[in-house]
PDB file of N, CA and C in Angstrom:
ATOM      1  N   UNK A   1     -16.664  25.729   2.876  1.00  0.00           N
ATOM      2  CA  UNK A   1     -15.375  25.845   3.606  1.00  0.00           C
ATOM      3  C   UNK A   1     -14.575  24.658   4.584  1.00  0.00           C
ATOM      4  N   UNK A   2     -15.234  24.480   5.274  1.00  0.00           N
ATOM      5  CA  UNK A   2     -14.512  23.014   6.318  1.00  0.00           C
ATOM      6  C   UNK A   2     -14.107  21.864   6.001  1.00  0.00           C
ATOM      7  N   UNK A   3     -14.432  21.686   4.589  1.00  0.00           N
ATOM      8  CA  UNK A   3     -14.368  21.445   3.639  1.00  0.00           C
ATOM      9  C   UNK A   3     -12.255  21.460   3.040  1.00  0.00           C
ATOM     10  N   UNK A   4     -12.217  22.661   3.467  1.00  0.00           N
ATOM     11  CA  UNK A   4     -10.794  22.539   3.127  1.00  0.00           C
ATOM     12  C   UNK A   4      -9.506  22.049   4.337  1.00  0.00           C
ATOM     13  N   UNK A   5     -10.394  22.659   5.159  1.00  0.00           N
ATOM     14  CA  UNK A   5      -9.898  22.273   6.580  1.00  0.00           C
ATOM     15  C   UNK A   5      -9.733  20.940   6.463  1.00  0.00           C
ATOM     16  N   UNK A   6     -10.505  20.329   6.507  1.00  0.00           N
ATOM     17  CA  UNK A   6     -10.435  18.396   6.399  1.00  0.00           C
ATOM     18  C   UNK A   6      -9.480  18.365   5.365  1.00  0.00           C
ATOM     19  N   UNK A   7      -9.129  18.385   3.993  1.00  0.00           N
ATOM     20  CA  UNK A   7      -8.099  18.049   2.813  1.00  0.00           C
ATOM     21  C   UNK A   7      -6.228  18.885   3.293  1.00  0.00           C
ATOM     22  N   UNK A   8      -6.670  20.096   3.756  1.00  0.00           N
ATOM     23  CA  UNK A   8      -5.702  20.253   4.629  1.00  0.00           C
ATOM     24  C   UNK A   8      -4.788  19.793   5.536  1.00  0.00           C
ATOM     25  N   UNK A   9      -5.647  18.892   6.269  1.00  0.00           N
ATOM     26  CA  UNK A   9      -5.017  18.130   7.654  1.00  0.00           C
ATOM     27  C   UNK A   9      -5.692  16.401   6.534  1.00  0.00           C
ATOM     28  N   UNK A  10      -5.880  16.439   5.659  1.00  0.00           N
ATOM     29  CA  UNK A  10      -5.555  14.847   5.968  1.00  0.00           C
ATOM     30  C   UNK A  10      -4.902  14.154   3.913  1.00  0.00           C
ATOM     31  N   UNK A  11      -4.863  15.297   3.800  1.00  0.00           N
ATOM     32  CA  UNK A  11      -4.020  15.249   2.484  1.00  0.00           C
ATOM     33  C   UNK A  11      -2.356  14.125   2.680  1.00  0.00           C
ATOM     34  N   UNK A  12      -2.132  13.375   1.670  1.00  0.00           N
ATOM     35  CA  UNK A  12      -0.978  12.875   2.609  1.00  0.00           C
ATOM     36  C   UNK A  12       0.306  14.152   1.732  1.00  0.00           C
ATOM     37  N   UNK A  13       1.052  13.174   2.380  1.00  0.00           N
ATOM     38  CA  UNK A  13       2.594  13.675   2.424  1.00  0.00           C
ATOM     39  C   UNK A  13       2.845  13.289   1.136  1.00  0.00           C
ATOM     40  N   UNK A  14       2.392  13.714   0.274  1.00  0.00           N
ATOM     41  CA  UNK A  14       3.049  13.147  -0.821  1.00  0.00           C
ATOM     42  C   UNK A  14       3.707  14.171  -2.790  1.00  0.00           C
ATOM     43  N   UNK A  15       4.488  14.610  -2.798  1.00  0.00           N
ATOM     44  CA  UNK A  15       4.555  15.016  -4.222  1.00  0.00           C
ATOM     45  C   UNK A  15       3.345  16.282  -4.762  1.00  0.00           C
ATOM     46  N   UNK A  16       2.200  15.149  -5.149  1.00  0.00           N
ATOM     47  CA  UNK A  16       0.991  16.402  -5.468  1.00  0.00           C
ATOM     48  C   UNK A  16      -0.052  16.254  -4.983  1.00  0.00           C
ATOM     49  N   UNK A  17       0.241  16.221  -3.729  1.00  0.00           N
ATOM     50  CA  UNK A  17      -0.203  16.955  -2.360  1.00  0.00           C
ATOM     51  C   UNK A  17      -1.267  18.090  -2.710  1.00  0.00           C
ATOM     52  N   UNK A  18      -0.315  19.003  -2.512  1.00  0.00           N
ATOM     53  CA  UNK A  18      -0.175  20.275  -3.403  1.00  0.00           C
ATOM     54  C   UNK A  18      -1.102  21.137  -3.992  1.00  0.00           C
ATOM     55  N   UNK A  19      -0.277  20.386  -5.705  1.00  0.00           N
ATOM     56  CA  UNK A  19      -1.653  20.351  -6.602  1.00  0.00           C
ATOM     57  C   UNK A  19      -3.778  20.252  -6.457  1.00  0.00           C
ATOM     58  N   UNK A  20      -3.239  19.029  -5.469  1.00  0.00           N
ATOM     59  CA  UNK A  20      -4.198  18.608  -5.183  1.00  0.00           C
ATOM     60  C   UNK A  20      -5.516  19.493  -4.988  1.00  0.00           C
ATOM     61  N   UNK A  21      -4.559  19.516  -3.089  1.00  0.00           N
ATOM     62  CA  UNK A  21      -4.992  20.991  -2.809  1.00  0.00           C
ATOM     63  C   UNK A  21      -4.936  21.705  -3.221  1.00  0.00           C
ATOM     64  N   UNK A  22      -3.819  22.621  -3.721  1.00  0.00           N
ATOM     65  CA  UNK A  22      -4.974  23.843  -4.892  1.00  0.00           C
ATOM     66  C   UNK A  22      -6.645  23.127  -5.919  1.00  0.00           C
ATOM     67  N   UNK A  23      -6.206  21.665  -6.399  1.00  0.00           N
ATOM     68  CA  UNK A  23      -6.896  21.847  -7.527  1.00  0.00           C
ATOM     69  C   UNK A  23      -8.465  21.936  -6.575  1.00  0.00           C
ATOM     70  N   UNK A  24      -9.012  21.538  -5.186  1.00  0.00           N
ATOM     71  CA  UNK A  24      -9.652  21.378  -4.332  1.00  0.00           C
ATOM     72  C   UNK A  24     -10.090  22.729  -4.082  1.00  0.00           C
ATOM     73  N   UNK A  25      -9.181  23.251  -3.845  1.00  0.00           N
ATOM     74  CA  UNK A  25      -9.945  24.940  -3.134  1.00  0.00           C
ATOM     75  C   UNK A  25     -10.439  25.687  -4.253  1.00  0.00           C
ATOM     76  N   UNK A  26     -10.071  25.431  -5.268  1.00  0.00           N
ATOM     77  CA  UNK A  26     -10.238  26.017  -6.449  1.00  0.00           C
ATOM     78  C   UNK A  26     -11.781  25.492  -6.492  1.00  0.00           C
ATOM     79  N   UNK A  27     -12.087  24.087  -6.500  1.00  0.00           N
ATOM     80  CA  UNK A  27     -13.395  22.836  -6.521  1.00  0.00           C
ATOM     81  C   UNK A  27     -14.689  24.200  -5.559  1.00  0.00           C
ATOM     82  N   UNK A  28     -13.785  23.869  -4.327  1.00  0.00           N
ATOM     83  CA  UNK A  28     -14.576  24.599  -3.402  1.00  0.00           C
ATOM     84  C   UNK A  28     -15.002  25.899  -3.980  1.00  0.00           C
ATOM     85  N   UNK A  29     -14.209  26.838  -4.664  1.00  0.00           N
ATOM     86  CA  UNK A  29     -14.585  27.748  -3.722  1.00  0.00           C
ATOM     87  C   UNK A  29     -15.412  28.112  -5.701  1.00  0.00           C
ATOM     88  N   UNK A  30     -15.694  27.757  -6.152  1.00  0.00           N
ATOM     89  CA  UNK A  30     -16.508  27.698  -8.056  1.00  0.00           C
ATOM     90  C   UNK A  30     -17.918  27.016  -7.181  1.00  0.00           C
ATOM     91  N   UNK A  31     -17.352  26.114  -5.971  1.00  0.00           N
ATOM     92  CA  UNK A  31     -19.173  25.430  -6.073  1.00  0.00           C
ATOM     93  C   UNK A  31     -20.050  26.192  -4.818  1.00  0.00           C
ATOM     94  N   UNK A  32     -18.526  27.363  -4.231  1.00  0.00           N
ATOM     95  CA  UNK A  32     -18.957  27.890  -2.969  1.00  0.00           C
ATOM     96  C   UNK A  32     -19.189  26.996  -1.617  1.00  0.00           C
TER      97      UNK A  32
END
């Protein structure tokens, strides 16, 4: 779960940052 916070703060301010975040959240949820 801590990795999610990392991504949120380390995510670059790009137009696709939201999609990248959602994708990572989904993968993180699946992998547990």
